[in-house]
Amino acid sequence: MSTNPYAPPTAEVADIAPRDTVPALWNPNAAANWSLLFSPVFGALLQMKNWIELGEPGKAATSKAWAIATAALIVVVSAATAMLPESKALDAGSRGIGLVLLIAWYTSNGRAQARYVKEKFGTAYPRRGWTRPLLIALGITVGIFFVVFAIAFGVGMAEH
């Protein structure tokens, strides 16, 4: 087989993935922004799914650990607040814990995916839709409010 010495040069660019191999992802910055409303559990779980799609199981495990630890902390703080309703220190602290937790998650874990996706794909990657995850998060949030209301109502009725 002969090569044409007059053919234009060809280039091989190894660091840019072909269009068909780029996975569909949730925008990691948007996931972090939605975490302001739905807690870092939401962002960590979506970023975990993104890491799986990106073929990074170790980073996915780290995001999963953040989601589990954050959910556990939310449950512990909520239970403590319910058991000690008169504690002003706990009440003030529980408000700040959420913000501190969000900042800690974003700076130590959430921001890394935004950088990774930007460096690897820029803005040229297929986007996953937000309807399903947002409806699920909204449903869980409403469900939690109903459970908390039912518990508070039951405790209030028992005291009277």
C-alpha atoms as a PDB file:
ATOM      1  CA  MET A   1       0.000   0.000   0.000  1.00  0.00           C
ATOM      2  CA  SER A   2       1.481   3.321  -0.967  1.00  0.00           C
ATOM      3  CA  THR A   3       0.954   6.694   0.648  1.00  0.00           C
ATOM      4  CA  ASN A   4       0.426   9.854  -1.305  1.00  0.00           C
ATOM      5  CA  PRO A   5       3.340  12.217  -0.639  1.00  0.00           C
ATOM      6  CA  TYR A   6       1.204  15.139  -1.848  1.00  0.00           C
ATOM      7  CA  ALA A   7      -1.734  14.488   0.505  1.00  0.00           C
ATOM      8  CA  PRO A   8      -2.393  17.088   3.211  1.00  0.00           C
ATOM      9  CA  PRO A   9      -1.059  16.174   6.643  1.00  0.00           C
ATOM     10  CA  THR A  10      -3.378  14.450   9.063  1.00  0.00           C
ATOM     11  CA  ALA A  11      -3.426  15.032  12.764  1.00  0.00           C
ATOM     12  CA  GLU A  12      -4.311  12.671  15.546  1.00  0.00           C
ATOM     13  CA  VAL A  13      -5.652  14.311  18.651  1.00  0.00           C
ATOM     14  CA  ALA A  14      -5.726  11.780  21.427  1.00  0.00           C
ATOM     15  CA  ASP A  15      -7.013  13.963  24.231  1.00  0.00           C
ATOM     16  CA  ILE A  16     -10.359  14.866  22.623  1.00  0.00           C
ATOM     17  CA  ALA A  17     -12.921  12.103  22.735  1.00  0.00           C
ATOM     18  CA  PRO A  18     -15.008  11.416  19.642  1.00  0.00           C
ATOM     19  CA  ARG A  19     -18.546  12.837  19.816  1.00  0.00           C
ATOM     20  CA  ASP A  20     -20.179   9.411  20.194  1.00  0.00           C
ATOM     21  CA  THR A  21     -18.111   8.422  23.262  1.00  0.00           C
ATOM     22  CA  VAL A  22     -18.927  11.486  25.359  1.00  0.00           C
ATOM     23  CA  PRO A  23     -21.413  10.403  28.031  1.00  0.00           C
ATOM     24  CA  ALA A  24     -24.563  12.346  28.819  1.00  0.00           C
ATOM     25  CA  LEU A  25     -24.026  14.139  32.135  1.00  0.00           C
ATOM     26  CA  TRP A  26     -25.855  16.373  34.534  1.00  0.00           C
ATOM     27  CA  ASN A  27     -24.125  19.736  34.626  1.00  0.00           C
ATOM     28  CA  PRO A  28     -21.971  19.486  37.781  1.00  0.00           C
ATOM     29  CA  ASN A  29     -22.257  23.225  38.488  1.00  0.00           C
ATOM     30  CA  ALA A  30     -26.034  23.070  38.232  1.00  0.00           C
ATOM     31  CA  ALA A  31     -26.057  20.035  40.554  1.00  0.00           C
ATOM     32  CA  ALA A  32     -24.074  22.055  43.091  1.00  0.00           C
ATOM     33  CA  ASN A  33     -26.467  24.989  42.722  1.00  0.00           C
ATOM     34  CA  TRP A  34     -29.526  22.762  43.235  1.00  0.00           C
ATOM     35  CA  SER A  35     -27.802  21.502  46.395  1.00  0.00           C
ATOM     36  CA  LEU A  36     -28.493  24.911  47.937  1.00  0.00           C
ATOM     37  CA  LEU A  37     -32.165  23.934  47.936  1.00  0.00           C
ATOM     38  CA  PHE A  38     -32.031  20.146  48.277  1.00  0.00           C
ATOM     39  CA  SER A  39     -28.850  19.697  50.398  1.00  0.00           C
ATOM     40  CA  PRO A  40     -25.464  18.314  49.381  1.00  0.00           C
ATOM     41  CA  VAL A  41     -27.028  14.840  49.311  1.00  0.00           C
ATOM     42  CA  PHE A  42     -28.697  15.800  46.013  1.00  0.00           C
ATOM     43  CA  GLY A  43     -25.528  17.133  44.395  1.00  0.00           C
ATOM     44  CA  ALA A  44     -23.364  14.287  45.659  1.00  0.00           C
ATOM     45  CA  LEU A  45     -25.740  11.633  44.311  1.00  0.00           C
ATOM     46  CA  LEU A  46     -25.975  13.258  40.882  1.00  0.00           C
ATOM     47  CA  GLN A  47     -22.228  13.700  40.740  1.00  0.00           C
ATOM     48  CA  MET A  48     -21.831  10.055  41.782  1.00  0.00           C
ATOM     49  CA  LYS A  49     -23.925   9.065  38.748  1.00  0.00           C
ATOM     50  CA  ASN A  50     -21.808  11.360  36.567  1.00  0.00           C
ATOM     51  CA  TRP A  51     -18.564   9.783  37.840  1.00  0.00           C
ATOM     52  CA  ILE A  52     -19.941   6.346  36.994  1.00  0.00           C
ATOM     53  CA  GLU A  53     -20.724   7.542  33.458  1.00  0.00           C
ATOM     54  CA  LEU A  54     -17.232   9.028  33.209  1.00  0.00           C
ATOM     55  CA  GLY A  55     -15.669   5.690  34.192  1.00  0.00           C
ATOM     56  CA  GLU A  56     -14.328   6.903  37.543  1.00  0.00           C
ATOM     57  CA  PRO A  57     -15.571   4.392  40.161  1.00  0.00           C
ATOM     58  CA  GLY A  58     -13.231   5.658  42.894  1.00  0.00           C
ATOM     59  CA  LYS A  59     -14.538   9.200  42.578  1.00  0.00           C
ATOM     60  CA  ALA A  60     -18.093   7.846  42.417  1.00  0.00           C
ATOM     61  CA  ALA A  61     -17.497   6.043  45.723  1.00  0.00           C
ATOM     62  CA  THR A  62     -16.270   9.276  47.293  1.00  0.00           C
ATOM     63  CA  SER A  63     -19.409  11.110  46.153  1.00  0.00           C
ATOM     64  CA  LYS A  64     -21.554   8.274  47.508  1.00  0.00           C
ATOM     65  CA  ALA A  65     -19.757   8.489  50.867  1.00  0.00           C
ATOM     66  CA  TRP A  66     -20.457  12.245  50.968  1.00  0.00           C
ATOM     67  CA  ALA A  67     -24.147  11.612  50.248  1.00  0.00           C
ATOM     68  CA  ILE A  68     -24.439   8.980  52.994  1.00  0.00           C
ATOM     69  CA  ALA A  69     -22.490  11.017  55.561  1.00  0.00           C
ATOM     70  CA  THR A  70     -24.512  14.149  54.804  1.00  0.00           C
ATOM     71  CA  ALA A  71     -27.828  12.305  55.055  1.00  0.00           C
ATOM     72  CA  ALA A  72     -26.739  10.743  58.356  1.00  0.00           C
ATOM     73  CA  LEU A  73     -25.705  14.120  59.741  1.00  0.00           C
ATOM     74  CA  ILE A  74     -29.033  15.649  58.718  1.00  0.00           C
ATOM     75  CA  VAL A  75     -30.894  12.844  60.505  1.00  0.00           C
ATOM     76  CA  VAL A  76     -28.764  13.189  63.661  1.00  0.00           C
ATOM     77  CA  VAL A  77     -29.153  16.977  63.812  1.00  0.00           C
ATOM     78  CA  SER A  78     -32.889  16.730  63.139  1.00  0.00           C
ATOM     79  CA  ALA A  79     -33.341  14.095  65.847  1.00  0.00           C
ATOM     80  CA  ALA A  80     -31.296  16.113  68.335  1.00  0.00           C
ATOM     81  CA  THR A  81     -33.318  19.231  67.558  1.00  0.00           C
ATOM     82  CA  ALA A  82     -36.572  17.290  68.039  1.00  0.00           C
ATOM     83  CA  MET A  83     -35.417  15.766  71.338  1.00  0.00           C
ATOM     84  CA  LEU A  84     -34.044  19.031  72.716  1.00  0.00           C
ATOM     85  CA  PRO A  85     -36.492  21.661  71.438  1.00  0.00           C
ATOM     86  CA  GLU A  86     -35.571  24.159  74.156  1.00  0.00           C
ATOM     87  CA  SER A  87     -31.850  24.219  73.309  1.00  0.00           C
ATOM     88  CA  LYS A  88     -31.089  27.609  71.782  1.00  0.00           C
ATOM     89  CA  ALA A  89     -27.467  26.611  71.074  1.00  0.00           C
ATOM     90  CA  LEU A  90     -28.555  23.524  69.141  1.00  0.00           C
ATOM     91  CA  ASP A  91     -31.166  25.549  67.261  1.00  0.00           C
ATOM     92  CA  ALA A  92     -28.619  28.162  66.184  1.00  0.00           C
ATOM     93  CA  GLY A  93     -25.991  25.525  65.443  1.00  0.00           C
ATOM     94  CA  SER A  94     -28.324  23.429  63.298  1.00  0.00           C
ATOM     95  CA  ARG A  95     -28.907  26.398  61.001  1.00  0.00           C
ATOM     96  CA  GLY A  96     -25.184  26.938  60.481  1.00  0.00           C
ATOM     97  CA  ILE A  97     -24.392  23.248  60.061  1.00  0.00           C
ATOM     98  CA  GLY A  98     -26.230  23.109  56.733  1.00  0.00           C
ATOM     99  CA  LEU A  99     -24.264  25.962  55.228  1.00  0.00           C
ATOM    100  CA  VAL A 100     -20.940  24.685  56.567  1.00  0.00           C
ATOM    101  CA  LEU A 101     -21.730  21.213  55.222  1.00  0.00           C
ATOM    102  CA  LEU A 102     -22.593  22.581  51.779  1.00  0.00           C
ATOM    103  CA  ILE A 103     -19.376  24.607  51.602  1.00  0.00           C
ATOM    104  CA  ALA A 104     -17.296  21.648  52.831  1.00  0.00           C
ATOM    105  CA  TRP A 105     -18.834  19.293  50.261  1.00  0.00           C
ATOM    106  CA  TYR A 106     -18.440  21.731  47.390  1.00  0.00           C
ATOM    107  CA  THR A 107     -14.841  22.707  48.133  1.00  0.00           C
ATOM    108  CA  SER A 108     -13.612  19.186  48.857  1.00  0.00           C
ATOM    109  CA  ASN A 109     -15.641  17.166  46.346  1.00  0.00           C
ATOM    110  CA  GLY A 110     -18.245  18.969  44.248  1.00  0.00           C
ATOM    111  CA  ARG A 111     -15.963  21.471  42.543  1.00  0.00           C
ATOM    112  CA  ALA A 112     -13.598  18.712  41.354  1.00  0.00           C
ATOM    113  CA  GLN A 113     -16.159  17.319  38.946  1.00  0.00           C
ATOM    114  CA  ALA A 114     -16.936  20.726  37.488  1.00  0.00           C
ATOM    115  CA  ARG A 115     -13.217  21.186  36.768  1.00  0.00           C
ATOM    116  CA  TYR A 116     -12.846  17.660  35.375  1.00  0.00           C
ATOM    117  CA  VAL A 117     -15.772  18.026  32.971  1.00  0.00           C
ATOM    118  CA  LYS A 118     -14.655  21.502  31.867  1.00  0.00           C
ATOM    119  CA  GLU A 119     -11.090  20.316  31.182  1.00  0.00           C
ATOM    120  CA  LYS A 120     -12.123  17.139  29.404  1.00  0.00           C
ATOM    121  CA  PHE A 121     -15.173  18.279  27.410  1.00  0.00           C
ATOM    122  CA  GLY A 122     -15.520  22.034  27.828  1.00  0.00           C
ATOM    123  CA  THR A 123     -19.188  22.720  27.255  1.00  0.00           C
ATOM    124  CA  ALA A 124     -19.466  20.195  24.415  1.00  0.00           C
ATOM    125  CA  TYR A 125     -21.077  17.244  26.131  1.00  0.00           C
ATOM    126  CA  PRO A 126     -24.629  15.885  26.006  1.00  0.00           C
ATOM    127  CA  ARG A 127     -26.747  17.070  28.938  1.00  0.00           C
ATOM    128  CA  ARG A 128     -29.064  14.903  30.966  1.00  0.00           C
ATOM    129  CA  GLY A 129     -32.506  16.264  31.749  1.00  0.00           C
ATOM    130  CA  TRP A 130     -33.371  17.762  35.118  1.00  0.00           C
ATOM    131  CA  THR A 131     -37.076  16.909  35.310  1.00  0.00           C
ATOM    132  CA  ARG A 132     -36.739  13.464  36.894  1.00  0.00           C
ATOM    133  CA  PRO A 133     -34.083  14.240  39.547  1.00  0.00           C
ATOM    134  CA  LEU A 134     -35.802  17.492  40.541  1.00  0.00           C
ATOM    135  CA  LEU A 135     -39.215  15.832  40.842  1.00  0.00           C
ATOM    136  CA  ILE A 136     -37.698  13.030  42.928  1.00  0.00           C
ATOM    137  CA  ALA A 137     -35.915  15.549  45.175  1.00  0.00           C
ATOM    138  CA  LEU A 138     -39.085  17.609  45.534  1.00  0.00           C
ATOM    139  CA  GLY A 139     -41.101  14.494  46.374  1.00  0.00           C
ATOM    140  CA  ILE A 140     -38.594  13.417  49.018  1.00  0.00           C
ATOM    141  CA  THR A 141     -38.526  16.927  50.494  1.00  0.00           C
ATOM    142  CA  VAL A 142     -42.327  17.085  50.700  1.00  0.00           C
ATOM    143  CA  GLY A 143     -42.379  13.580  52.194  1.00  0.00           C
ATOM    144  CA  ILE A 144     -39.865  14.578  54.864  1.00  0.00           C
ATOM    145  CA  PHE A 145     -41.934  17.646  55.749  1.00  0.00           C
ATOM    146  CA  PHE A 146     -45.030  15.450  56.140  1.00  0.00           C
ATOM    147  CA  VAL A 147     -43.178  13.009  58.389  1.00  0.00           C
ATOM    148  CA  VAL A 148     -41.741  15.822  60.520  1.00  0.00           C
ATOM    149  CA  PHE A 149     -45.165  17.457  60.757  1.00  0.00           C
ATOM    150  CA  ALA A 150     -46.781  14.155  61.770  1.00  0.00           C
ATOM    151  CA  ILE A 151     -44.148  13.545  64.457  1.00  0.00           C
ATOM    152  CA  ALA A 152     -44.427  17.102  65.789  1.00  0.00           C
ATOM    153  CA  PHE A 153     -48.214  16.891  65.777  1.00  0.00           C
ATOM    154  CA  GLY A 154     -48.113  13.538  67.582  1.00  0.00           C
ATOM    155  CA  VAL A 155     -45.666  14.848  70.202  1.00  0.00           C
ATOM    156  CA  GLY A 156     -47.799  17.973  70.669  1.00  0.00           C
ATOM    157  CA  MET A 157     -50.953  15.910  71.113  1.00  0.00           C
ATOM    158  CA  ALA A 158     -49.220  13.606  73.607  1.00  0.00           C
ATOM    159  CA  GLU A 159     -48.091  16.560  75.723  1.00  0.00           C
ATOM    160  CA  HIS A 160     -51.611  17.999  75.978  1.00  0.00           C
END
